[in-house]
PDB file of N, CA and C in Angstrom:
ATOM      1  N   UNK A   1       1.794  43.200  60.354  1.00  0.00           N
ATOM      2  CA  UNK A   1       2.594  42.264  59.581  1.00  0.00           C
ATOM      3  C   UNK A   1       2.386  40.878  60.190  1.00  0.00           C
ATOM      4  N   UNK A   2       2.003  39.932  59.379  1.00  0.00           N
ATOM      5  CA  UNK A   2       1.802  38.570  59.876  1.00  0.00           C
ATOM      6  C   UNK A   2       3.140  37.932  60.197  1.00  0.00           C
ATOM      7  N   UNK A   3       3.094  36.833  60.926  1.00  0.00           N
ATOM      8  CA  UNK A   3       4.323  36.133  61.289  1.00  0.00           C
ATOM      9  C   UNK A   3       5.092  35.654  60.066  1.00  0.00           C
ATOM     10  N   UNK A   4       4.372  35.128  59.090  1.00  0.00           N
ATOM     11  CA  UNK A   4       5.031  34.641  57.874  1.00  0.00           C
ATOM     12  C   UNK A   4       5.650  35.782  57.085  1.00  0.00           C
ATOM     13  N   UNK A   5       4.944  36.897  57.001  1.00  0.00           N
ATOM     14  CA  UNK A   5       5.477  38.067  56.300  1.00  0.00           C
ATOM     15  C   UNK A   5       6.717  38.590  57.008  1.00  0.00           C
ATOM     16  N   UNK A   6       6.676  38.630  58.329  1.00  0.00           N
ATOM     17  CA  UNK A   6       7.826  39.100  59.102  1.00  0.00           C
ATOM     18  C   UNK A   6       9.027  38.190  58.891  1.00  0.00           C
ATOM     19  N   UNK A   7       8.789  36.892  58.824  1.00  0.00           N
ATOM     20  CA  UNK A   7       9.885  35.947  58.615  1.00  0.00           C
ATOM     21  C   UNK A   7      10.502  36.132  57.235  1.00  0.00           C
ATOM     22  N   UNK A   8       9.659  36.300  56.233  1.00  0.00           N
ATOM     23  CA  UNK A   8      10.166  36.525  54.874  1.00  0.00           C
ATOM     24  C   UNK A   8      10.965  37.823  54.811  1.00  0.00           C
ATOM     25  N   UNK A   9      10.473  38.861  55.485  1.00  0.00           N
ATOM     26  CA  UNK A   9      11.149  40.153  55.497  1.00  0.00           C
ATOM     27  C   UNK A   9      12.499  40.047  56.204  1.00  0.00           C
ATOM     28  N   UNK A  10      12.544  39.343  57.347  1.00  0.00           N
ATOM     29  CA  UNK A  10      13.803  39.173  58.073  1.00  0.00           C
ATOM     30  C   UNK A  10      14.808  38.416  57.204  1.00  0.00           C
ATOM     31  N   UNK A  11      14.362  37.361  56.556  1.00  0.00           N
ATOM     32  CA  UNK A  11      15.251  36.584  55.676  1.00  0.00           C
ATOM     33  C   UNK A  11      15.830  37.479  54.580  1.00  0.00           C
ATOM     34  N   UNK A  12      14.992  38.270  53.948  1.00  0.00           N
ATOM     35  CA  UNK A  12      15.462  39.173  52.883  1.00  0.00           C
ATOM     36  C   UNK A  12      16.445  40.196  53.423  1.00  0.00           C
ATOM     37  N   UNK A  13      16.169  40.739  54.605  1.00  0.00           N
ATOM     38  CA  UNK A  13      17.074  41.732  55.200  1.00  0.00           C
ATOM     39  C   UNK A  13      18.437  41.124  55.508  1.00  0.00           C
ATOM     40  N   UNK A  14      18.444  39.868  55.973  1.00  0.00           N
ATOM     41  CA  UNK A  14      19.713  39.215  56.301  1.00  0.00           C
ATOM     42  C   UNK A  14      20.485  38.804  55.051  1.00  0.00           C
ATOM     43  N   UNK A  15      19.780  38.498  53.975  1.00  0.00           N
ATOM     44  CA  UNK A  15      20.441  38.086  52.736  1.00  0.00           C
ATOM     45  C   UNK A  15      20.914  39.269  51.903  1.00  0.00           C
ATOM     46  N   UNK A  16      20.350  40.433  52.110  1.00  0.00           N
ATOM     47  CA  UNK A  16      20.663  41.612  51.288  1.00  0.00           C
ATOM     48  C   UNK A  16      22.159  41.887  51.146  1.00  0.00           C
ATOM     49  N   UNK A  17      22.926  41.885  52.237  1.00  0.00           N
ATOM     50  CA  UNK A  17      24.360  42.182  52.074  1.00  0.00           C
ATOM     51  C   UNK A  17      25.132  41.103  51.310  1.00  0.00           C
ATOM     52  N   UNK A  18      24.533  39.933  51.143  1.00  0.00           N
ATOM     53  CA  UNK A  18      25.229  38.813  50.513  1.00  0.00           C
ATOM     54  C   UNK A  18      24.862  38.619  49.054  1.00  0.00           C
ATOM     55  N   UNK A  19      24.026  39.489  48.517  1.00  0.00           N
ATOM     56  CA  UNK A  19      23.625  39.365  47.114  1.00  0.00           C
ATOM     57  C   UNK A  19      24.861  39.393  46.222  1.00  0.00           C
ATOM     58  N   UNK A  20      24.890  38.529  45.247  1.00  0.00           N
ATOM     59  CA  UNK A  20      26.005  38.486  44.314  1.00  0.00           C
ATOM     60  C   UNK A  20      27.138  37.568  44.734  1.00  0.00           C
ATOM     61  N   UNK A  21      27.124  37.104  45.979  1.00  0.00           N
ATOM     62  CA  UNK A  21      28.158  36.170  46.424  1.00  0.00           C
ATOM     63  C   UNK A  21      27.824  34.781  45.912  1.00  0.00           C
ATOM     64  N   UNK A  22      28.809  34.135  45.329  1.00  0.00           N
ATOM     65  CA  UNK A  22      28.596  32.791  44.799  1.00  0.00           C
ATOM     66  C   UNK A  22      28.898  31.754  45.876  1.00  0.00           C
ATOM     67  N   UNK A  23      28.313  30.590  45.742  1.00  0.00           N
ATOM     68  CA  UNK A  23      28.591  29.487  46.654  1.00  0.00           C
ATOM     69  C   UNK A  23      27.890  29.570  47.986  1.00  0.00           C
ATOM     70  N   UNK A  24      26.778  30.258  48.057  1.00  0.00           N
ATOM     71  CA  UNK A  24      26.081  30.417  49.330  1.00  0.00           C
ATOM     72  C   UNK A  24      24.788  29.601  49.418  1.00  0.00           C
ATOM     73  N   UNK A  25      24.605  28.635  48.544  1.00  0.00           N
ATOM     74  CA  UNK A  25      23.358  27.877  48.539  1.00  0.00           C
ATOM     75  C   UNK A  25      23.101  27.174  49.865  1.00  0.00           C
ATOM     76  N   UNK A  26      24.121  26.557  50.445  1.00  0.00           N
ATOM     77  CA  UNK A  26      23.944  25.866  51.725  1.00  0.00           C
ATOM     78  C   UNK A  26      23.634  26.880  52.818  1.00  0.00           C
ATOM     79  N   UNK A  27      24.335  28.006  52.819  1.00  0.00           N
ATOM     80  CA  UNK A  27      24.081  29.041  53.822  1.00  0.00           C
ATOM     81  C   UNK A  27      22.668  29.583  53.681  1.00  0.00           C
ATOM     82  N   UNK A  28      22.229  29.853  52.457  1.00  0.00           N
ATOM     83  CA  UNK A  28      20.876  30.372  52.229  1.00  0.00           C
ATOM     84  C   UNK A  28      19.828  29.402  52.752  1.00  0.00           C
ATOM     85  N   UNK A  29      20.016  28.121  52.453  1.00  0.00           N
ATOM     86  CA  UNK A  29      19.064  27.107  52.892  1.00  0.00           C
ATOM     87  C   UNK A  29      19.031  27.039  54.416  1.00  0.00           C
ATOM     88  N   UNK A  30      20.197  27.047  55.055  1.00  0.00           N
ATOM     89  CA  UNK A  30      20.283  26.997  56.513  1.00  0.00           C
ATOM     90  C   UNK A  30      19.639  28.238  57.135  1.00  0.00           C
ATOM     91  N   UNK A  31      19.941  29.403  56.586  1.00  0.00           N
ATOM     92  CA  UNK A  31      19.378  30.640  57.106  1.00  0.00           C
ATOM     93  C   UNK A  31      17.856  30.650  56.977  1.00  0.00           C
ATOM     94  N   UNK A  32      17.346  30.220  55.817  1.00  0.00           N
ATOM     95  CA  UNK A  32      15.905  30.186  55.617  1.00  0.00           C
ATOM     96  C   UNK A  32      15.260  29.235  56.624  1.00  0.00           C
ATOM     97  N   UNK A  33      15.851  28.083  56.839  1.00  0.00           N
ATOM     98  CA  UNK A  33      15.317  27.120  57.797  1.00  0.00           C
ATOM     99  C   UNK A  33      15.304  27.704  59.207  1.00  0.00           C
ATOM    100  N   UNK A  34      16.394  28.370  59.584  1.00  0.00           N
ATOM    101  CA  UNK A  34      16.485  28.952  60.927  1.00  0.00           C
ATOM    102  C   UNK A  34      15.456  30.060  61.128  1.00  0.00           C
ATOM    103  N   UNK A  35      15.297  30.927  60.140  1.00  0.00           N
ATOM    104  CA  UNK A  35      14.333  32.021  60.257  1.00  0.00           C
ATOM    105  C   UNK A  35      12.906  31.478  60.323  1.00  0.00           C
ATOM    106  N   UNK A  36      12.588  30.512  59.455  1.00  0.00           N
ATOM    107  CA  UNK A  36      11.226  29.983  59.428  1.00  0.00           C
ATOM    108  C   UNK A  36      10.876  29.212  60.701  1.00  0.00           C
ATOM    109  N   UNK A  37      11.866  28.697  61.404  1.00  0.00           N
ATOM    110  CA  UNK A  37      11.587  27.955  62.635  1.00  0.00           C
ATOM    111  C   UNK A  37      11.555  28.851  63.875  1.00  0.00           C
ATOM    112  N   UNK A  38      11.874  30.138  63.724  1.00  0.00           N
ATOM    113  CA  UNK A  38      11.839  31.071  64.860  1.00  0.00           C
ATOM    114  C   UNK A  38      10.397  31.384  65.249  1.00  0.00           C
ATOM    115  N   UNK A  39      10.176  31.577  66.539  1.00  0.00           N
ATOM    116  CA  UNK A  39       8.861  32.073  66.965  1.00  0.00           C
ATOM    117  C   UNK A  39       8.638  33.490  66.424  1.00  0.00           C
ATOM    118  N   UNK A  40       7.382  33.832  66.165  1.00  0.00           N
ATOM    119  CA  UNK A  40       7.048  35.144  65.597  1.00  0.00           C
ATOM    120  C   UNK A  40       7.593  36.297  66.434  1.00  0.00           C
ATOM    121  N   UNK A  41       7.529  36.176  67.750  1.00  0.00           N
ATOM    122  CA  UNK A  41       8.011  37.254  68.620  1.00  0.00           C
ATOM    123  C   UNK A  41       9.510  37.477  68.432  1.00  0.00           C
ATOM    124  N   UNK A  42      10.264  36.400  68.324  1.00  0.00           N
ATOM    125  CA  UNK A  42      11.709  36.530  68.113  1.00  0.00           C
ATOM    126  C   UNK A  42      12.015  37.201  66.779  1.00  0.00           C
ATOM    127  N   UNK A  43      11.252  36.865  65.751  1.00  0.00           N
ATOM    128  CA  UNK A  43      11.443  37.484  64.440  1.00  0.00           C
ATOM    129  C   UNK A  43      11.212  38.984  64.541  1.00  0.00           C
ATOM    130  N   UNK A  44      10.134  39.374  65.172  1.00  0.00           N
ATOM    131  CA  UNK A  44       9.837  40.807  65.320  1.00  0.00           C
ATOM    132  C   UNK A  44      10.915  41.523  66.133  1.00  0.00           C
ATOM    133  N   UNK A  45      11.435  40.862  67.181  1.00  0.00           N
ATOM    134  CA  UNK A  45      12.501  41.458  67.990  1.00  0.00           C
ATOM    135  C   UNK A  45      13.768  41.650  67.162  1.00  0.00           C
ATOM    136  N   UNK A  46      14.088  40.680  66.334  1.00  0.00           N
ATOM    137  CA  UNK A  46      15.291  40.794  65.499  1.00  0.00           C
ATOM    138  C   UNK A  46      15.139  41.880  64.441  1.00  0.00           C
ATOM    139  N   UNK A  47      13.930  42.007  63.876  1.00  0.00           N
ATOM    140  CA  UNK A  47      13.696  43.093  62.916  1.00  0.00           C
ATOM    141  C   UNK A  47      13.832  44.449  63.604  1.00  0.00           C
ATOM    142  N   UNK A  48      13.285  44.559  64.796  1.00  0.00           N
ATOM    143  CA  UNK A  48      13.402  45.814  65.549  1.00  0.00           C
ATOM    144  C   UNK A  48      14.870  46.125  65.840  1.00  0.00           C
ATOM    145  N   UNK A  49      15.636  45.105  66.184  1.00  0.00           N
ATOM    146  CA  UNK A  49      17.060  45.304  66.453  1.00  0.00           C
ATOM    147  C   UNK A  49      17.787  45.802  65.205  1.00  0.00           C
ATOM    148  N   UNK A  50      17.480  45.226  64.049  1.00  0.00           N
ATOM    149  CA  UNK A  50      18.092  45.701  62.802  1.00  0.00           C
ATOM    150  C   UNK A  50      17.733  47.161  62.549  1.00  0.00           C
ATOM    151  N   UNK A  51      16.490  47.517  62.801  1.00  0.00           N
ATOM    152  CA  UNK A  51      16.069  48.906  62.615  1.00  0.00           C
ATOM    153  C   UNK A  51      16.799  49.829  63.572  1.00  0.00           C
ATOM    154  N   UNK A  52      17.025  49.390  64.793  1.00  0.00           N
ATOM    155  CA  UNK A  52      17.731  50.223  65.766  1.00  0.00           C
ATOM    156  C   UNK A  52      19.201  50.400  65.398  1.00  0.00           C
ATOM    157  N   UNK A  53      19.759  49.435  64.704  1.00  0.00           N
ATOM    158  CA  UNK A  53      21.149  49.553  64.264  1.00  0.00           C
ATOM    159  C   UNK A  53      21.310  50.532  63.116  1.00  0.00           C
ATOM    160  N   UNK A  54      20.188  50.982  62.580  1.00  0.00           N
ATOM    161  CA  UNK A  54      20.251  51.982  61.531  1.00  0.00           C
ATOM    162  C   UNK A  54      20.184  51.426  60.127  1.00  0.00           C
ATOM    163  N   UNK A  55      19.874  50.145  59.990  1.00  0.00           N
ATOM    164  CA  UNK A  55      19.703  49.584  58.661  1.00  0.00           C
ATOM    165  C   UNK A  55      18.433  50.132  58.056  1.00  0.00           C
ATOM    166  N   UNK A  56      18.444  50.270  56.747  1.00  0.00           N
ATOM    167  CA  UNK A  56      17.238  50.747  56.079  1.00  0.00           C
ATOM    168  C   UNK A  56      16.146  49.694  56.142  1.00  0.00           C
ATOM    169  N   UNK A  57      14.902  50.121  56.104  1.00  0.00           N
ATOM    170  CA  UNK A  57      13.772  49.191  56.152  1.00  0.00           C
ATOM    171  C   UNK A  57      13.328  48.834  54.776  1.00  0.00           C
TER     172      UNK A  57
END
């Protein structure tokens, strides 16, 4: 998985529980900016942590 793909996947995983919530445009923009500015290694570590918590992939 490339760094960009991992970042997109992490963003989607973090946004999944918030689908359908209104008024989150600022939060979405901030979250996307934060994820895209993370180093690739940190993104992979966070994805691994989500997997260890038992979230679906």
